[in-house]
C-alpha atoms as a PDB file:
ATOM      1  CA  UNK A   1     -77.577  -3.958  93.917  1.00  0.00           C
ATOM      2  CA  UNK A   2     -75.499  -3.686  96.799  1.00  0.00           C
ATOM      3  CA  UNK A   3     -72.742  -5.990  95.098  1.00  0.00           C
ATOM      4  CA  UNK A   4     -73.283  -3.967  92.217  1.00  0.00           C
ATOM      5  CA  UNK A   5     -72.677  -1.007  93.366  1.00  0.00           C
ATOM      6  CA  UNK A   6     -69.361  -1.644  95.186  1.00  0.00           C
ATOM      7  CA  UNK A   7     -68.225  -3.144  91.808  1.00  0.00           C
ATOM      8  CA  UNK A   8     -69.211  -0.004  89.952  1.00  0.00           C
ATOM      9  CA  UNK A   9     -67.507   1.680  92.363  1.00  0.00           C
ATOM     10  CA  UNK A  10     -64.410  -0.210  92.671  1.00  0.00           C
ATOM     11  CA  UNK A  11     -64.010  -0.302  88.958  1.00  0.00           C
ATOM     12  CA  UNK A  12     -64.254   3.473  88.456  1.00  0.00           C
ATOM     13  CA  UNK A  13     -61.621   3.963  91.064  1.00  0.00           C
ATOM     14  CA  UNK A  14     -59.480   1.294  89.769  1.00  0.00           C
ATOM     15  CA  UNK A  15     -59.785   3.285  86.090  1.00  0.00           C
ATOM     16  CA  UNK A  16     -59.234   6.270  87.347  1.00  0.00           C
ATOM     17  CA  UNK A  17     -55.273   5.373  89.252  1.00  0.00           C
ATOM     18  CA  UNK A  18     -54.986   3.813  85.865  1.00  0.00           C
ATOM     19  CA  UNK A  19     -56.099   7.580  83.944  1.00  0.00           C
ATOM     20  CA  UNK A  20     -53.699   9.860  86.240  1.00  0.00           C
ATOM     21  CA  UNK A  21     -56.203   9.760  89.682  1.00  0.00           C
ATOM     22  CA  UNK A  22     -58.576  12.153  86.878  1.00  0.00           C
ATOM     23  CA  UNK A  23     -61.099  10.845  89.716  1.00  0.00           C
ATOM     24  CA  UNK A  24     -60.131  12.462  91.812  1.00  0.00           C
ATOM     25  CA  UNK A  25     -59.969  15.961  89.830  1.00  0.00           C
ATOM     26  CA  UNK A  26     -63.747  16.206  88.099  1.00  0.00           C
ATOM     27  CA  UNK A  27     -66.581  15.409  90.700  1.00  0.00           C
ATOM     28  CA  UNK A  28     -69.255  17.248  89.946  1.00  0.00           C
ATOM     29  CA  UNK A  29     -73.113  17.966  91.191  1.00  0.00           C
ATOM     30  CA  UNK A  30     -75.742  16.826  88.959  1.00  0.00           C
ATOM     31  CA  UNK A  31     -79.436  18.445  88.995  1.00  0.00           C
ATOM     32  CA  UNK A  32     -82.281  18.911  86.460  1.00  0.00           C
ATOM     33  CA  UNK A  33     -85.231  17.266  84.842  1.00  0.00           C
ATOM     34  CA  UNK A  34     -85.691  13.643  83.718  1.00  0.00           C
ATOM     35  CA  UNK A  35     -88.612  11.279  82.563  1.00  0.00           C
ATOM     36  CA  UNK A  36     -88.883   7.797  81.392  1.00  0.00           C
ATOM     37  CA  UNK A  37     -92.006   8.913  78.640  1.00  0.00           C
ATOM     38  CA  UNK A  38     -94.468   6.573  77.416  1.00  0.00           C
ATOM     39  CA  UNK A  39     -93.786   4.229  80.319  1.00  0.00           C
ATOM     40  CA  UNK A  40     -96.677   1.789  80.888  1.00  0.00           C
ATOM     41  CA  UNK A  41     -95.178   1.892  84.832  1.00  0.00           C
ATOM     42  CA  UNK A  42     -94.344   5.498  84.877  1.00  0.00           C
ATOM     43  CA  UNK A  43     -97.091   7.972  85.494  1.00  0.00           C
ATOM     44  CA  UNK A  44     -96.775  11.482  83.305  1.00  0.00           C
ATOM     45  CA  UNK A  45     -95.359  14.380  84.854  1.00  0.00           C
ATOM     46  CA  UNK A  46     -92.654  16.496  85.754  1.00  0.00           C
ATOM     47  CA  UNK A  47     -89.306  14.183  87.086  1.00  0.00           C
ATOM     48  CA  UNK A  48     -86.908  15.736  88.978  1.00  0.00           C
ATOM     49  CA  UNK A  49     -83.107  14.023  88.557  1.00  0.00           C
ATOM     50  CA  UNK A  50     -80.148  14.682  91.565  1.00  0.00           C
ATOM     51  CA  UNK A  51     -76.853  13.212  90.682  1.00  0.00           C
ATOM     52  CA  UNK A  52     -72.953  13.042  90.516  1.00  0.00           C
ATOM     53  CA  UNK A  53     -71.201  13.286  87.420  1.00  0.00           C
ATOM     54  CA  UNK A  54     -67.209  11.531  87.504  1.00  0.00           C
ATOM     55  CA  UNK A  55     -64.688  12.337  84.956  1.00  0.00           C
ATOM     56  CA  UNK A  56     -63.194   8.854  84.257  1.00  0.00           C
ATOM     57  CA  UNK A  57     -60.440  10.430  81.276  1.00  0.00           C
ATOM     58  CA  UNK A  58     -60.744  13.334  79.171  1.00  0.00           C
ATOM     59  CA  UNK A  59     -63.625  12.430  76.733  1.00  0.00           C
ATOM     60  CA  UNK A  60     -65.263   9.821  79.416  1.00  0.00           C
ATOM     61  CA  UNK A  61     -67.385  10.051  82.190  1.00  0.00           C
ATOM     62  CA  UNK A  62     -69.338   8.398  84.541  1.00  0.00           C
ATOM     63  CA  UNK A  63     -72.937   9.471  85.813  1.00  0.00           C
ATOM     64  CA  UNK A  64     -74.829   8.495  88.838  1.00  0.00           C
ATOM     65  CA  UNK A  65     -77.819   9.641  89.258  1.00  0.00           C
ATOM     66  CA  UNK A  66     -81.800   9.462  90.926  1.00  0.00           C
ATOM     67  CA  UNK A  67     -84.846  10.350  89.479  1.00  0.00           C
ATOM     68  CA  UNK A  68     -88.524  10.895  91.011  1.00  0.00           C
ATOM     69  CA  UNK A  69     -91.214  12.105  90.426  1.00  0.00           C
ATOM     70  CA  UNK A  70     -92.712  15.695  91.382  1.00  0.00           C
ATOM     71  CA  UNK A  71     -96.419  15.658  89.749  1.00  0.00           C
ATOM     72  CA  UNK A  72     -98.535  14.589  89.911  1.00  0.00           C
ATOM     73  CA  UNK A  73     -97.934  12.484  93.203  1.00  0.00           C
ATOM     74  CA  UNK A  74     -94.671  13.297  94.837  1.00  0.00           C
ATOM     75  CA  UNK A  75     -91.907  10.583  94.767  1.00  0.00           C
ATOM     76  CA  UNK A  76     -94.347   8.073  93.369  1.00  0.00           C
ATOM     77  CA  UNK A  77     -91.958   6.999  91.645  1.00  0.00           C
ATOM     78  CA  UNK A  78     -88.441   7.068  91.286  1.00  0.00           C
ATOM     79  CA  UNK A  79     -85.075   5.586  89.724  1.00  0.00           C
ATOM     80  CA  UNK A  80     -81.336   5.119  90.599  1.00  0.00           C
ATOM     81  CA  UNK A  81     -79.045   4.970  87.450  1.00  0.00           C
ATOM     82  CA  UNK A  82     -75.390   5.080  86.240  1.00  0.00           C
ATOM     83  CA  UNK A  83     -74.517   6.165  82.392  1.00  0.00           C
ATOM     84  CA  UNK A  84     -71.595   6.132  80.874  1.00  0.00           C
ATOM     85  CA  UNK A  85     -70.727   9.312  78.686  1.00  0.00           C
ATOM     86  CA  UNK A  86     -68.496   9.668  75.928  1.00  0.00           C
ATOM     87  CA  UNK A  87     -67.945  13.216  74.479  1.00  0.00           C
ATOM     88  CA  UNK A  88     -68.378  13.473  71.122  1.00  0.00           C
ATOM     89  CA  UNK A  89     -66.484  16.653  69.946  1.00  0.00           C
ATOM     90  CA  UNK A  90     -63.367  16.690  71.519  1.00  0.00           C
ATOM     91  CA  UNK A  91     -62.346  16.579  75.242  1.00  0.00           C
ATOM     92  CA  UNK A  92     -64.323  17.568  77.830  1.00  0.00           C
ATOM     93  CA  UNK A  93     -61.333  18.953  79.564  1.00  0.00           C
ATOM     94  CA  UNK A  94     -58.091  19.368  77.999  1.00  0.00           C
ATOM     95  CA  UNK A  95     -54.681  18.986  80.209  1.00  0.00           C
ATOM     96  CA  UNK A  96     -56.789  20.574  83.665  1.00  0.00           C
ATOM     97  CA  UNK A  97     -54.624  23.963  83.145  1.00  0.00           C
ATOM     98  CA  UNK A  98     -57.284  25.614  80.078  1.00  0.00           C
ATOM     99  CA  UNK A  99     -60.970  25.224  80.340  1.00  0.00           C
ATOM    100  CA  UNK A 100     -61.486  23.093  76.811  1.00  0.00           C
ATOM    101  CA  UNK A 101     -63.691  24.034  74.077  1.00  0.00           C
ATOM    102  CA  UNK A 102     -66.694  24.506  76.738  1.00  0.00           C
ATOM    103  CA  UNK A 103     -69.192  23.386  73.661  1.00  0.00           C
ATOM    104  CA  UNK A 104     -69.706  19.577  73.229  1.00  0.00           C
ATOM    105  CA  UNK A 105     -71.699  16.707  72.892  1.00  0.00           C
ATOM    106  CA  UNK A 106     -71.990  13.435  74.591  1.00  0.00           C
ATOM    107  CA  UNK A 107     -73.669   9.782  73.848  1.00  0.00           C
ATOM    108  CA  UNK A 108     -74.291   7.657  76.818  1.00  0.00           C
ATOM    109  CA  UNK A 109     -75.144   3.829  77.790  1.00  0.00           C
ATOM    110  CA  UNK A 110     -77.009   3.676  81.147  1.00  0.00           C
ATOM    111  CA  UNK A 111     -78.472   0.720  83.288  1.00  0.00           C
ATOM    112  CA  UNK A 112     -81.268   1.771  85.811  1.00  0.00           C
ATOM    113  CA  UNK A 113     -83.013   0.269  88.579  1.00  0.00           C
ATOM    114  CA  UNK A 114     -86.807   0.943  89.586  1.00  0.00           C
ATOM    115  CA  UNK A 115     -89.766  -1.156  89.942  1.00  0.00           C
ATOM    116  CA  UNK A 116     -91.169  -1.106  86.986  1.00  0.00           C
ATOM    117  CA  UNK A 117     -91.446  -5.212  86.662  1.00  0.00           C
ATOM    118  CA  UNK A 118     -94.024  -7.220  86.869  1.00  0.00           C
ATOM    119  CA  UNK A 119     -93.410  -8.691  90.389  1.00  0.00           C
ATOM    120  CA  UNK A 120     -92.509  -4.173  91.338  1.00  0.00           C
ATOM    121  CA  UNK A 121     -89.640  -4.951  93.048  1.00  0.00           C
ATOM    122  CA  UNK A 122     -87.184  -2.747  92.788  1.00  0.00           C
ATOM    123  CA  UNK A 123     -84.368  -4.427  90.447  1.00  0.00           C
ATOM    124  CA  UNK A 124     -81.875  -3.494  87.321  1.00  0.00           C
ATOM    125  CA  UNK A 125     -84.706  -2.660  84.860  1.00  0.00           C
ATOM    126  CA  UNK A 126     -83.750   0.073  82.263  1.00  0.00           C
ATOM    127  CA  UNK A 127     -81.199   0.120  79.529  1.00  0.00           C
ATOM    128  CA  UNK A 128     -80.777   3.622  77.901  1.00  0.00           C
ATOM    129  CA  UNK A 129     -79.053   4.998  75.012  1.00  0.00           C
ATOM    130  CA  UNK A 130     -79.119   8.604  75.521  1.00  0.00           C
ATOM    131  CA  UNK A 131     -77.733  11.627  73.482  1.00  0.00           C
ATOM    132  CA  UNK A 132     -76.933  14.722  74.675  1.00  0.00           C
ATOM    133  CA  UNK A 133     -76.941  17.175  71.364  1.00  0.00           C
ATOM    134  CA  UNK A 134     -75.137  20.360  73.258  1.00  0.00           C
ATOM    135  CA  UNK A 135     -73.114  20.911  76.237  1.00  0.00           C
ATOM    136  CA  UNK A 136     -72.119  24.448  77.293  1.00  0.00           C
ATOM    137  CA  UNK A 137     -69.343  24.634  79.780  1.00  0.00           C
ATOM    138  CA  UNK A 138     -66.732  22.134  81.302  1.00  0.00           C
ATOM    139  CA  UNK A 139     -65.566  20.816  84.866  1.00  0.00           C
ATOM    140  CA  UNK A 140     -63.168  23.323  84.523  1.00  0.00           C
ATOM    141  CA  UNK A 141     -65.341  26.384  84.289  1.00  0.00           C
ATOM    142  CA  UNK A 142     -67.397  25.218  87.076  1.00  0.00           C
ATOM    143  CA  UNK A 143     -70.449  24.470  85.725  1.00  0.00           C
ATOM    144  CA  UNK A 144     -71.747  22.873  82.492  1.00  0.00           C
ATOM    145  CA  UNK A 145     -75.347  22.757  80.682  1.00  0.00           C
ATOM    146  CA  UNK A 146     -76.493  19.481  79.266  1.00  0.00           C
ATOM    147  CA  UNK A 147     -79.248  20.768  76.784  1.00  0.00           C
ATOM    148  CA  UNK A 148     -81.941  18.601  75.775  1.00  0.00           C
ATOM    149  CA  UNK A 149     -80.653  14.833  76.376  1.00  0.00           C
ATOM    150  CA  UNK A 150     -82.858  12.152  74.659  1.00  0.00           C
ATOM    151  CA  UNK A 151     -82.853   8.701  74.475  1.00  0.00           C
ATOM    152  CA  UNK A 152     -84.385   5.407  74.103  1.00  0.00           C
ATOM    153  CA  UNK A 153     -85.445   3.495  77.114  1.00  0.00           C
ATOM    154  CA  UNK A 154     -85.248  -0.796  77.142  1.00  0.00           C
ATOM    155  CA  UNK A 155     -87.423  -2.041  79.843  1.00  0.00           C
ATOM    156  CA  UNK A 156     -85.763  -5.501  79.310  1.00  0.00           C
ATOM    157  CA  UNK A 157     -87.769  -7.141  81.848  1.00  0.00           C
ATOM    158  CA  UNK A 158     -91.142  -6.292  80.053  1.00  0.00           C
ATOM    159  CA  UNK A 159     -89.705  -5.760  77.155  1.00  0.00           C
ATOM    160  CA  UNK A 160     -90.644  -2.381  76.498  1.00  0.00           C
ATOM    161  CA  UNK A 161     -89.647   0.487  74.443  1.00  0.00           C
ATOM    162  CA  UNK A 162     -89.630   3.811  75.927  1.00  0.00           C
ATOM    163  CA  UNK A 163     -88.264   7.444  75.137  1.00  0.00           C
ATOM    164  CA  UNK A 164     -86.407   9.078  77.611  1.00  0.00           C
ATOM    165  CA  UNK A 165     -85.917  12.497  78.164  1.00  0.00           C
ATOM    166  CA  UNK A 166     -84.530  15.510  80.194  1.00  0.00           C
ATOM    167  CA  UNK A 167     -85.258  19.506  79.139  1.00  0.00           C
ATOM    168  CA  UNK A 168     -81.767  20.651  80.774  1.00  0.00           C
ATOM    169  CA  UNK A 169     -79.675  19.169  82.980  1.00  0.00           C
ATOM    170  CA  UNK A 170     -77.040  21.701  85.193  1.00  0.00           C
ATOM    171  CA  UNK A 171     -73.304  19.706  86.347  1.00  0.00           C
ATOM    172  CA  UNK A 172     -71.724  22.153  89.296  1.00  0.00           C
ATOM    173  CA  UNK A 173     -67.866  21.430  89.851  1.00  0.00           C
ATOM    174  CA  UNK A 174     -65.087  22.904  91.890  1.00  0.00           C
ATOM    175  CA  UNK A 175     -63.217  24.578  89.794  1.00  0.00           C
ATOM    176  CA  UNK A 176     -60.118  24.972  92.026  1.00  0.00           C
ATOM    177  CA  UNK A 177     -60.484  21.565  92.642  1.00  0.00           C
ATOM    178  CA  UNK A 178     -60.103  20.657  89.384  1.00  0.00           C
ATOM    179  CA  UNK A 179     -57.569  23.116  88.121  1.00  0.00           C
ATOM    180  CA  UNK A 180     -55.262  22.005  91.151  1.00  0.00           C
ATOM    181  CA  UNK A 181     -55.623  24.809  92.957  1.00  0.00           C
ATOM    182  CA  UNK A 182     -58.098  23.753  95.384  1.00  0.00           C
ATOM    183  CA  UNK A 183     -55.020  21.366  97.411  1.00  0.00           C
END
């Protein structure tokens, strides 16, 4: 697992350098709700999603997140994941001198690690395909709301398909850093 994380970080940084150092400008903190619904390993309840979002290009971003169950038993289940998201309606940000449209949609693919397997070991277990039908805001404005992200999740170790849902995810950015004024 450590090797996977190191490889992903090295690839992101390398890709960022090739994309004119966009990654170093566009870094955000994510907070929201997240659940794998109808998963035989996952208890029904409310989940908390915390993470970071890293702009790779003007339309592509990497989300790194962790999800933890809040109810029925606090901390009873957790997952850690990476998602690569693509902006469908245009650039998330343009040239970092203007805010862009402020409204977008995202499609993403992801890989999550958890203990949802027969061995009960913490492993990469779930592949997700998610659609976020509406985002309001942008890295340039300092805040973005992702509304009703939903998709399918495939537990490739158990062969089980589940539904992946978040009521909301809020992203917070340092808009001065994104615009270049924070240096």
